[in-house]
C-alpha atoms as a PDB file:
ATOM      1  CA  UNK A   1     -10.486  -9.427  43.409  1.00  0.00           C
ATOM      2  CA  UNK A   2      -8.598  -6.876  41.330  1.00  0.00           C
ATOM      3  CA  UNK A   3      -8.438  -8.395  37.861  1.00  0.00           C
ATOM      4  CA  UNK A   4      -5.808  -5.929  36.664  1.00  0.00           C
ATOM      5  CA  UNK A   5      -3.425  -7.292  39.300  1.00  0.00           C
ATOM      6  CA  UNK A   6      -3.769 -10.951  38.318  1.00  0.00           C
ATOM      7  CA  UNK A   7      -1.077 -12.724  36.331  1.00  0.00           C
ATOM      8  CA  UNK A   8      -1.399 -12.938  32.552  1.00  0.00           C
ATOM      9  CA  UNK A   9      -0.820 -16.108  30.556  1.00  0.00           C
ATOM     10  CA  UNK A  10       2.859 -16.879  30.108  1.00  0.00           C
ATOM     11  CA  UNK A  11       3.868 -16.833  26.454  1.00  0.00           C
ATOM     12  CA  UNK A  12       6.196 -19.788  27.052  1.00  0.00           C
ATOM     13  CA  UNK A  13       4.342 -23.089  27.373  1.00  0.00           C
ATOM     14  CA  UNK A  14       7.346 -25.132  28.498  1.00  0.00           C
ATOM     15  CA  UNK A  15      11.079 -25.458  28.018  1.00  0.00           C
ATOM     16  CA  UNK A  16      13.235 -28.333  26.827  1.00  0.00           C
ATOM     17  CA  UNK A  17      16.734 -27.557  27.998  1.00  0.00           C
ATOM     18  CA  UNK A  18      17.636 -24.216  26.388  1.00  0.00           C
ATOM     19  CA  UNK A  19      14.682 -24.415  23.965  1.00  0.00           C
ATOM     20  CA  UNK A  20      11.593 -22.381  24.868  1.00  0.00           C
ATOM     21  CA  UNK A  21       8.348 -23.596  23.314  1.00  0.00           C
ATOM     22  CA  UNK A  22       5.883 -20.737  22.915  1.00  0.00           C
ATOM     23  CA  UNK A  23       2.098 -21.030  23.061  1.00  0.00           C
ATOM     24  CA  UNK A  24       1.981 -19.021  19.838  1.00  0.00           C
ATOM     25  CA  UNK A  25       3.740 -21.778  17.926  1.00  0.00           C
ATOM     26  CA  UNK A  26       1.712 -24.541  19.581  1.00  0.00           C
ATOM     27  CA  UNK A  27      -1.558 -22.851  18.682  1.00  0.00           C
ATOM     28  CA  UNK A  28      -0.527 -22.203  15.073  1.00  0.00           C
ATOM     29  CA  UNK A  29       0.710 -25.794  14.713  1.00  0.00           C
ATOM     30  CA  UNK A  30      -2.565 -27.131  16.126  1.00  0.00           C
ATOM     31  CA  UNK A  31      -4.574 -25.166  13.576  1.00  0.00           C
ATOM     32  CA  UNK A  32      -2.378 -26.382  10.719  1.00  0.00           C
ATOM     33  CA  UNK A  33      -2.560 -30.017  11.887  1.00  0.00           C
ATOM     34  CA  UNK A  34      -6.363 -29.984  12.084  1.00  0.00           C
ATOM     35  CA  UNK A  35      -6.543 -28.282   8.689  1.00  0.00           C
ATOM     36  CA  UNK A  36      -4.370 -30.980   7.125  1.00  0.00           C
ATOM     37  CA  UNK A  37      -6.412 -33.823   8.661  1.00  0.00           C
ATOM     38  CA  UNK A  38      -9.711 -32.391   7.408  1.00  0.00           C
ATOM     39  CA  UNK A  39      -8.278 -31.507   3.999  1.00  0.00           C
ATOM     40  CA  UNK A  40      -6.976 -35.041   3.522  1.00  0.00           C
ATOM     41  CA  UNK A  41     -10.388 -36.479   4.429  1.00  0.00           C
ATOM     42  CA  UNK A  42     -12.142 -34.244   1.925  1.00  0.00           C
ATOM     43  CA  UNK A  43      -9.462 -34.841  -0.680  1.00  0.00           C
ATOM     44  CA  UNK A  44      -9.987 -38.595  -0.381  1.00  0.00           C
ATOM     45  CA  UNK A  45     -13.712 -38.093  -0.971  1.00  0.00           C
ATOM     46  CA  UNK A  46     -12.972 -35.908  -3.978  1.00  0.00           C
ATOM     47  CA  UNK A  47     -10.417 -38.259  -5.512  1.00  0.00           C
ATOM     48  CA  UNK A  48      -7.376 -36.107  -4.755  1.00  0.00           C
ATOM     49  CA  UNK A  49      -4.343 -38.167  -3.767  1.00  0.00           C
ATOM     50  CA  UNK A  50      -3.454 -37.206  -0.198  1.00  0.00           C
ATOM     51  CA  UNK A  51       0.227 -37.190  -1.155  1.00  0.00           C
ATOM     52  CA  UNK A  52      -0.487 -34.009  -3.098  1.00  0.00           C
ATOM     53  CA  UNK A  53      -1.730 -32.322   0.066  1.00  0.00           C
ATOM     54  CA  UNK A  54       1.274 -33.465   2.082  1.00  0.00           C
ATOM     55  CA  UNK A  55       3.692 -32.422  -0.650  1.00  0.00           C
ATOM     56  CA  UNK A  56       2.078 -29.027  -0.968  1.00  0.00           C
ATOM     57  CA  UNK A  57       2.203 -28.574   2.804  1.00  0.00           C
ATOM     58  CA  UNK A  58       5.943 -29.237   2.852  1.00  0.00           C
ATOM     59  CA  UNK A  59       6.467 -26.548   0.209  1.00  0.00           C
ATOM     60  CA  UNK A  60       3.642 -24.118   0.898  1.00  0.00           C
ATOM     61  CA  UNK A  61       3.732 -23.865   4.688  1.00  0.00           C
ATOM     62  CA  UNK A  62       7.267 -22.481   5.048  1.00  0.00           C
ATOM     63  CA  UNK A  63       6.724 -20.153   2.086  1.00  0.00           C
ATOM     64  CA  UNK A  64       3.481 -18.818   3.556  1.00  0.00           C
ATOM     65  CA  UNK A  65       5.132 -18.236   6.953  1.00  0.00           C
ATOM     66  CA  UNK A  66       8.039 -16.418   5.324  1.00  0.00           C
ATOM     67  CA  UNK A  67       5.676 -14.288   3.242  1.00  0.00           C
ATOM     68  CA  UNK A  68       3.533 -13.534   6.289  1.00  0.00           C
ATOM     69  CA  UNK A  69       6.604 -12.390   8.192  1.00  0.00           C
ATOM     70  CA  UNK A  70       7.962 -10.340   5.282  1.00  0.00           C
ATOM     71  CA  UNK A  71       4.595  -8.599   4.905  1.00  0.00           C
ATOM     72  CA  UNK A  72       4.517  -7.763   8.611  1.00  0.00           C
ATOM     73  CA  UNK A  73       8.138  -6.545   8.712  1.00  0.00           C
ATOM     74  CA  UNK A  74       7.692  -4.377   5.615  1.00  0.00           C
ATOM     75  CA  UNK A  75       4.725  -2.560   7.115  1.00  0.00           C
ATOM     76  CA  UNK A  76       6.479  -2.213  10.467  1.00  0.00           C
ATOM     77  CA  UNK A  77       9.794  -1.241   8.922  1.00  0.00           C
ATOM     78  CA  UNK A  78      10.287   1.821  11.096  1.00  0.00           C
ATOM     79  CA  UNK A  79      10.646  -0.477  14.095  1.00  0.00           C
ATOM     80  CA  UNK A  80      12.533  -3.327  12.421  1.00  0.00           C
ATOM     81  CA  UNK A  81      14.997  -1.070  10.626  1.00  0.00           C
ATOM     82  CA  UNK A  82      16.057   0.151  14.060  1.00  0.00           C
ATOM     83  CA  UNK A  83      15.959  -3.376  15.523  1.00  0.00           C
ATOM     84  CA  UNK A  84      17.080  -5.746  12.742  1.00  0.00           C
ATOM     85  CA  UNK A  85      17.904  -8.503  15.229  1.00  0.00           C
ATOM     86  CA  UNK A  86      14.156  -8.802  15.909  1.00  0.00           C
ATOM     87  CA  UNK A  87      13.208  -9.606  12.303  1.00  0.00           C
ATOM     88  CA  UNK A  88      13.650 -13.357  12.661  1.00  0.00           C
ATOM     89  CA  UNK A  89      11.977 -13.629  16.103  1.00  0.00           C
ATOM     90  CA  UNK A  90       8.708 -14.893  14.687  1.00  0.00           C
ATOM     91  CA  UNK A  91       7.881 -16.743  17.911  1.00  0.00           C
ATOM     92  CA  UNK A  92       7.261 -13.380  19.567  1.00  0.00           C
ATOM     93  CA  UNK A  93       4.378 -12.836  17.161  1.00  0.00           C
ATOM     94  CA  UNK A  94       4.149 -10.583  14.175  1.00  0.00           C
ATOM     95  CA  UNK A  95       2.920 -12.392  11.087  1.00  0.00           C
ATOM     96  CA  UNK A  96       0.392 -10.897   8.686  1.00  0.00           C
ATOM     97  CA  UNK A  97      -2.215 -13.378   7.487  1.00  0.00           C
ATOM     98  CA  UNK A  98      -2.707 -11.635   4.164  1.00  0.00           C
ATOM     99  CA  UNK A  99       0.984 -12.001   3.375  1.00  0.00           C
ATOM    100  CA  UNK A 100       0.776 -15.691   4.213  1.00  0.00           C
ATOM    101  CA  UNK A 101      -2.368 -16.232   2.133  1.00  0.00           C
ATOM    102  CA  UNK A 102      -0.904 -14.488  -0.899  1.00  0.00           C
ATOM    103  CA  UNK A 103       2.280 -16.539  -0.679  1.00  0.00           C
ATOM    104  CA  UNK A 104       0.357 -19.781  -0.150  1.00  0.00           C
ATOM    105  CA  UNK A 105      -2.024 -19.092  -3.063  1.00  0.00           C
ATOM    106  CA  UNK A 106       0.757 -18.329  -5.540  1.00  0.00           C
ATOM    107  CA  UNK A 107       2.648 -21.436  -4.431  1.00  0.00           C
ATOM    108  CA  UNK A 108      -0.492 -23.562  -4.769  1.00  0.00           C
ATOM    109  CA  UNK A 109      -1.181 -22.368  -8.307  1.00  0.00           C
ATOM    110  CA  UNK A 110       2.371 -23.206  -9.387  1.00  0.00           C
ATOM    111  CA  UNK A 111       2.247 -26.543  -7.551  1.00  0.00           C
ATOM    112  CA  UNK A 112      -1.052 -27.576  -9.154  1.00  0.00           C
ATOM    113  CA  UNK A 113       0.133 -26.611 -12.624  1.00  0.00           C
ATOM    114  CA  UNK A 114       3.242 -28.708 -12.136  1.00  0.00           C
ATOM    115  CA  UNK A 115       1.225 -31.703 -10.878  1.00  0.00           C
ATOM    116  CA  UNK A 116      -1.552 -31.376 -13.456  1.00  0.00           C
ATOM    117  CA  UNK A 117      -4.211 -30.824 -10.769  1.00  0.00           C
ATOM    118  CA  UNK A 118      -7.133 -28.413 -10.903  1.00  0.00           C
ATOM    119  CA  UNK A 119      -6.066 -25.472  -8.726  1.00  0.00           C
ATOM    120  CA  UNK A 120      -9.705 -24.483  -8.236  1.00  0.00           C
ATOM    121  CA  UNK A 121     -10.577 -27.937  -6.932  1.00  0.00           C
ATOM    122  CA  UNK A 122      -7.575 -27.968  -4.608  1.00  0.00           C
ATOM    123  CA  UNK A 123      -8.555 -24.533  -3.286  1.00  0.00           C
ATOM    124  CA  UNK A 124     -12.132 -25.715  -2.715  1.00  0.00           C
ATOM    125  CA  UNK A 125     -10.864 -28.638  -0.667  1.00  0.00           C
ATOM    126  CA  UNK A 126      -8.578 -26.642   1.614  1.00  0.00           C
ATOM    127  CA  UNK A 127     -10.502 -23.342   1.913  1.00  0.00           C
ATOM    128  CA  UNK A 128     -12.822 -24.318   4.813  1.00  0.00           C
ATOM    129  CA  UNK A 129      -9.928 -25.760   6.793  1.00  0.00           C
ATOM    130  CA  UNK A 130      -7.779 -22.690   6.176  1.00  0.00           C
ATOM    131  CA  UNK A 131     -10.358 -20.356   7.701  1.00  0.00           C
ATOM    132  CA  UNK A 132     -10.708 -22.777  10.623  1.00  0.00           C
ATOM    133  CA  UNK A 133      -6.929 -22.642  11.152  1.00  0.00           C
ATOM    134  CA  UNK A 134      -7.082 -18.842  10.990  1.00  0.00           C
ATOM    135  CA  UNK A 135      -9.736 -18.837  13.705  1.00  0.00           C
ATOM    136  CA  UNK A 136      -7.602 -21.066  15.911  1.00  0.00           C
ATOM    137  CA  UNK A 137      -4.453 -19.080  15.160  1.00  0.00           C
ATOM    138  CA  UNK A 138      -5.983 -15.861  16.488  1.00  0.00           C
ATOM    139  CA  UNK A 139      -5.668 -17.325  19.982  1.00  0.00           C
ATOM    140  CA  UNK A 140      -1.911 -17.075  19.514  1.00  0.00           C
ATOM    141  CA  UNK A 141      -2.443 -13.309  19.278  1.00  0.00           C
ATOM    142  CA  UNK A 142      -4.459 -13.556  22.480  1.00  0.00           C
ATOM    143  CA  UNK A 143      -1.586 -15.173  24.366  1.00  0.00           C
ATOM    144  CA  UNK A 144       0.867 -12.604  22.989  1.00  0.00           C
ATOM    145  CA  UNK A 145      -1.501  -9.730  23.805  1.00  0.00           C
ATOM    146  CA  UNK A 146      -1.342  -8.389  20.259  1.00  0.00           C
ATOM    147  CA  UNK A 147      -3.783  -7.603  17.437  1.00  0.00           C
ATOM    148  CA  UNK A 148      -6.141  -6.040  19.960  1.00  0.00           C
ATOM    149  CA  UNK A 149      -8.503  -3.127  19.506  1.00  0.00           C
ATOM    150  CA  UNK A 150      -8.874   0.258  21.118  1.00  0.00           C
ATOM    151  CA  UNK A 151      -8.989   0.825  24.858  1.00  0.00           C
ATOM    152  CA  UNK A 152     -12.223  -0.108  26.563  1.00  0.00           C
ATOM    153  CA  UNK A 153     -13.516  -0.653  30.098  1.00  0.00           C
ATOM    154  CA  UNK A 154     -13.636  -3.582  32.458  1.00  0.00           C
ATOM    155  CA  UNK A 155     -17.410  -3.172  32.642  1.00  0.00           C
ATOM    156  CA  UNK A 156     -17.716  -3.559  28.859  1.00  0.00           C
ATOM    157  CA  UNK A 157     -15.722  -6.780  28.816  1.00  0.00           C
ATOM    158  CA  UNK A 158     -17.462  -8.266  31.830  1.00  0.00           C
ATOM    159  CA  UNK A 159     -21.016  -6.967  31.684  1.00  0.00           C
ATOM    160  CA  UNK A 160     -21.589  -6.279  27.992  1.00  0.00           C
ATOM    161  CA  UNK A 161     -19.575  -9.033  26.319  1.00  0.00           C
ATOM    162  CA  UNK A 162     -19.820 -11.390  29.321  1.00  0.00           C
ATOM    163  CA  UNK A 163     -16.321 -12.706  28.641  1.00  0.00           C
ATOM    164  CA  UNK A 164     -14.754 -15.325  30.908  1.00  0.00           C
ATOM    165  CA  UNK A 165     -12.245 -14.163  33.467  1.00  0.00           C
ATOM    166  CA  UNK A 166      -9.131 -15.456  31.683  1.00  0.00           C
ATOM    167  CA  UNK A 167      -9.917 -13.411  28.561  1.00  0.00           C
ATOM    168  CA  UNK A 168     -10.691 -10.282  30.556  1.00  0.00           C
ATOM    169  CA  UNK A 169      -7.416 -10.453  32.476  1.00  0.00           C
ATOM    170  CA  UNK A 170      -5.411 -11.076  29.300  1.00  0.00           C
ATOM    171  CA  UNK A 171      -7.002  -8.003  27.714  1.00  0.00           C
ATOM    172  CA  UNK A 172      -5.555  -5.864  30.515  1.00  0.00           C
ATOM    173  CA  UNK A 173      -2.249  -4.601  29.140  1.00  0.00           C
ATOM    174  CA  UNK A 174      -0.180  -2.244  31.259  1.00  0.00           C
ATOM    175  CA  UNK A 175      -3.241  -1.413  33.314  1.00  0.00           C
ATOM    176  CA  UNK A 176      -5.533  -0.652  30.350  1.00  0.00           C
ATOM    177  CA  UNK A 177      -8.300  -2.893  29.009  1.00  0.00           C
ATOM    178  CA  UNK A 178      -8.583  -3.365  25.235  1.00  0.00           C
ATOM    179  CA  UNK A 179     -11.156  -4.613  22.742  1.00  0.00           C
ATOM    180  CA  UNK A 180     -10.574  -8.348  22.095  1.00  0.00           C
ATOM    181  CA  UNK A 181     -10.503  -8.091  18.308  1.00  0.00           C
ATOM    182  CA  UNK A 182      -8.661 -11.418  18.202  1.00  0.00           C
ATOM    183  CA  UNK A 183     -11.859 -12.961  19.589  1.00  0.00           C
ATOM    184  CA  UNK A 184     -14.116 -11.175  17.121  1.00  0.00           C
ATOM    185  CA  UNK A 185     -12.102 -12.492  14.207  1.00  0.00           C
ATOM    186  CA  UNK A 186     -11.787 -15.978  15.685  1.00  0.00           C
ATOM    187  CA  UNK A 187     -15.562 -16.222  16.066  1.00  0.00           C
ATOM    188  CA  UNK A 188     -16.089 -14.869  12.547  1.00  0.00           C
ATOM    189  CA  UNK A 189     -13.615 -17.379  11.095  1.00  0.00           C
ATOM    190  CA  UNK A 190     -15.064 -20.380  12.929  1.00  0.00           C
ATOM    191  CA  UNK A 191     -18.558 -19.321  11.821  1.00  0.00           C
ATOM    192  CA  UNK A 192     -17.254 -19.215   8.236  1.00  0.00           C
ATOM    193  CA  UNK A 193     -15.750 -22.676   8.645  1.00  0.00           C
ATOM    194  CA  UNK A 194     -19.069 -24.099   9.873  1.00  0.00           C
ATOM    195  CA  UNK A 195     -20.968 -22.359   7.072  1.00  0.00           C
ATOM    196  CA  UNK A 196     -18.670 -23.699   4.359  1.00  0.00           C
ATOM    197  CA  UNK A 197     -18.686 -27.204   5.811  1.00  0.00           C
ATOM    198  CA  UNK A 198     -22.490 -27.230   5.935  1.00  0.00           C
ATOM    199  CA  UNK A 199     -23.022 -25.766   2.466  1.00  0.00           C
ATOM    200  CA  UNK A 200     -20.151 -27.432   0.602  1.00  0.00           C
ATOM    201  CA  UNK A 201     -22.002 -30.706   0.088  1.00  0.00           C
ATOM    202  CA  UNK A 202     -25.357 -29.232  -0.904  1.00  0.00           C
ATOM    203  CA  UNK A 203     -26.137 -30.426  -4.408  1.00  0.00           C
ATOM    204  CA  UNK A 204     -25.979 -27.848  -7.193  1.00  0.00           C
ATOM    205  CA  UNK A 205     -25.053 -24.996  -4.910  1.00  0.00           C
ATOM    206  CA  UNK A 206     -21.331 -24.489  -5.501  1.00  0.00           C
ATOM    207  CA  UNK A 207     -19.527 -24.906  -8.769  1.00  0.00           C
ATOM    208  CA  UNK A 208     -15.821 -25.619  -8.946  1.00  0.00           C
ATOM    209  CA  UNK A 209     -13.879 -22.784  -7.340  1.00  0.00           C
ATOM    210  CA  UNK A 210     -16.870 -21.236  -5.594  1.00  0.00           C
ATOM    211  CA  UNK A 211     -16.190 -22.746  -2.173  1.00  0.00           C
ATOM    212  CA  UNK A 212     -12.852 -20.943  -2.246  1.00  0.00           C
ATOM    213  CA  UNK A 213     -14.372 -17.716  -3.582  1.00  0.00           C
ATOM    214  CA  UNK A 214     -16.983 -17.831  -0.805  1.00  0.00           C
ATOM    215  CA  UNK A 215     -14.177 -18.208   1.722  1.00  0.00           C
ATOM    216  CA  UNK A 216     -12.399 -15.161   0.296  1.00  0.00           C
ATOM    217  CA  UNK A 217     -15.552 -13.056   0.431  1.00  0.00           C
ATOM    218  CA  UNK A 218     -16.568 -14.200   3.902  1.00  0.00           C
ATOM    219  CA  UNK A 219     -13.137 -13.648   5.414  1.00  0.00           C
ATOM    220  CA  UNK A 220     -12.556 -10.323   3.654  1.00  0.00           C
ATOM    221  CA  UNK A 221     -15.956  -8.947   4.654  1.00  0.00           C
ATOM    222  CA  UNK A 222     -15.414  -9.654   8.350  1.00  0.00           C
ATOM    223  CA  UNK A 223     -11.768  -8.641   8.300  1.00  0.00           C
ATOM    224  CA  UNK A 224     -12.626  -5.237   6.801  1.00  0.00           C
ATOM    225  CA  UNK A 225     -14.701  -4.237   9.816  1.00  0.00           C
ATOM    226  CA  UNK A 226     -12.612  -5.962  12.489  1.00  0.00           C
ATOM    227  CA  UNK A 227      -9.427  -4.405  11.130  1.00  0.00           C
ATOM    228  CA  UNK A 228     -11.004  -0.989  11.599  1.00  0.00           C
ATOM    229  CA  UNK A 229     -11.136  -1.645  15.356  1.00  0.00           C
ATOM    230  CA  UNK A 230      -7.441  -2.459  15.669  1.00  0.00           C
ATOM    231  CA  UNK A 231      -4.696  -0.071  16.714  1.00  0.00           C
ATOM    232  CA  UNK A 232      -1.577  -1.838  15.445  1.00  0.00           C
ATOM    233  CA  UNK A 233      -1.943  -1.741  11.665  1.00  0.00           C
ATOM    234  CA  UNK A 234      -0.689   0.725   9.090  1.00  0.00           C
ATOM    235  CA  UNK A 235      -2.963   3.432   7.725  1.00  0.00           C
ATOM    236  CA  UNK A 236      -3.081   4.165   4.001  1.00  0.00           C
ATOM    237  CA  UNK A 237      -5.266   7.182   3.440  1.00  0.00           C
ATOM    238  CA  UNK A 238      -8.642   6.850   5.189  1.00  0.00           C
ATOM    239  CA  UNK A 239      -8.308   3.079   5.709  1.00  0.00           C
ATOM    240  CA  UNK A 240      -5.813   0.569   7.019  1.00  0.00           C
ATOM    241  CA  UNK A 241      -3.739  -1.444   4.545  1.00  0.00           C
ATOM    242  CA  UNK A 242      -5.551  -4.666   5.455  1.00  0.00           C
ATOM    243  CA  UNK A 243      -8.892  -2.944   4.935  1.00  0.00           C
ATOM    244  CA  UNK A 244      -7.871  -1.957   1.412  1.00  0.00           C
ATOM    245  CA  UNK A 245      -6.807  -5.553   0.760  1.00  0.00           C
ATOM    246  CA  UNK A 246     -10.083  -6.846   2.187  1.00  0.00           C
ATOM    247  CA  UNK A 247     -11.988  -4.495  -0.105  1.00  0.00           C
ATOM    248  CA  UNK A 248      -9.978  -5.594  -3.147  1.00  0.00           C
ATOM    249  CA  UNK A 249     -10.198  -9.308  -2.356  1.00  0.00           C
ATOM    250  CA  UNK A 250     -13.936  -9.234  -1.649  1.00  0.00           C
ATOM    251  CA  UNK A 251     -14.934  -7.521  -4.875  1.00  0.00           C
ATOM    252  CA  UNK A 252     -12.349  -9.417  -6.927  1.00  0.00           C
ATOM    253  CA  UNK A 253     -13.742 -12.745  -5.691  1.00  0.00           C
ATOM    254  CA  UNK A 254     -17.302 -11.568  -6.356  1.00  0.00           C
ATOM    255  CA  UNK A 255     -16.379 -10.434  -9.878  1.00  0.00           C
ATOM    256  CA  UNK A 256     -14.595 -13.715 -10.630  1.00  0.00           C
ATOM    257  CA  UNK A 257     -17.629 -15.656  -9.385  1.00  0.00           C
ATOM    258  CA  UNK A 258     -19.982 -13.704 -11.665  1.00  0.00           C
ATOM    259  CA  UNK A 259     -17.708 -13.890 -14.723  1.00  0.00           C
ATOM    260  CA  UNK A 260     -17.082 -17.628 -14.328  1.00  0.00           C
ATOM    261  CA  UNK A 261     -20.796 -18.320 -13.990  1.00  0.00           C
ATOM    262  CA  UNK A 262     -21.596 -16.330 -17.129  1.00  0.00           C
ATOM    263  CA  UNK A 263     -18.608 -17.130 -19.289  1.00  0.00           C
ATOM    264  CA  UNK A 264     -18.166 -20.880 -19.077  1.00  0.00           C
ATOM    265  CA  UNK A 265     -19.908 -23.998 -17.914  1.00  0.00           C
ATOM    266  CA  UNK A 266     -18.159 -25.105 -14.734  1.00  0.00           C
ATOM    267  CA  UNK A 267     -18.712 -28.516 -13.121  1.00  0.00           C
ATOM    268  CA  UNK A 268     -20.532 -28.645  -9.816  1.00  0.00           C
ATOM    269  CA  UNK A 269     -18.344 -29.140  -6.771  1.00  0.00           C
ATOM    270  CA  UNK A 270     -19.960 -32.511  -6.070  1.00  0.00           C
ATOM    271  CA  UNK A 271     -19.270 -33.713  -9.599  1.00  0.00           C
ATOM    272  CA  UNK A 272     -16.718 -36.500  -9.193  1.00  0.00           C
ATOM    273  CA  UNK A 273     -15.121 -35.526 -12.478  1.00  0.00           C
ATOM    274  CA  UNK A 274     -14.411 -31.999 -11.208  1.00  0.00           C
ATOM    275  CA  UNK A 275     -10.997 -33.047  -9.912  1.00  0.00           C
ATOM    276  CA  UNK A 276      -9.802 -33.945 -13.385  1.00  0.00           C
ATOM    277  CA  UNK A 277      -7.628 -31.444 -15.197  1.00  0.00           C
END
């Protein structure tokens, strides 16, 4: 059978009257829902009122989506300035995770200060679930056939990577096969989620804030190399913008970890008093 001739996955999952529900939105929503469920469970164990998580979600989620879209539009301004009617069409794809993370982090810090909650503890609770949601969300890019890498061959996808048929056919865009960088990042993110979930409850391993800092370093490290394979991101000198951000975030998180360990006595993550302000 000629794989290149087979039908790709339809971006629209179903319709309700005039409303078209896209797979992209369903996949993102699934990741967010699972993240909230797991964060609430961990928050209950840590003594964090689950209402704080729900309240933050109501505020932080729309802000992070808006920031993710703004980031993407700004760095694709040549296209959007000529097609301003496309700016709001977020369901067609086109959100930048770094923009969303920056917006969500700033919102969380302000939220925690207002509520009198330790921002570091809150970040530790949600960090593993955020990277899990990121790993799930990358499959929205898969459906939309975006965030892919450079052109490759059918033989590489089938015989070297041994990918299932549905991924191979979706990586054929206008007759050309591409590197499934969405898959590379999804696997990296899910591996980070498993690692953090396994290590988070080891006694005297993480101090307050270090689960989150580990997340930042893990994600940034993998994103730096995966981003270098992509073809749809903006270059800034010898590297892509997201690679520069990955570099900055990785070494900033590492520096903060070292300084906090040396400068002040931080409670261990498993310390039940760590949630107190």
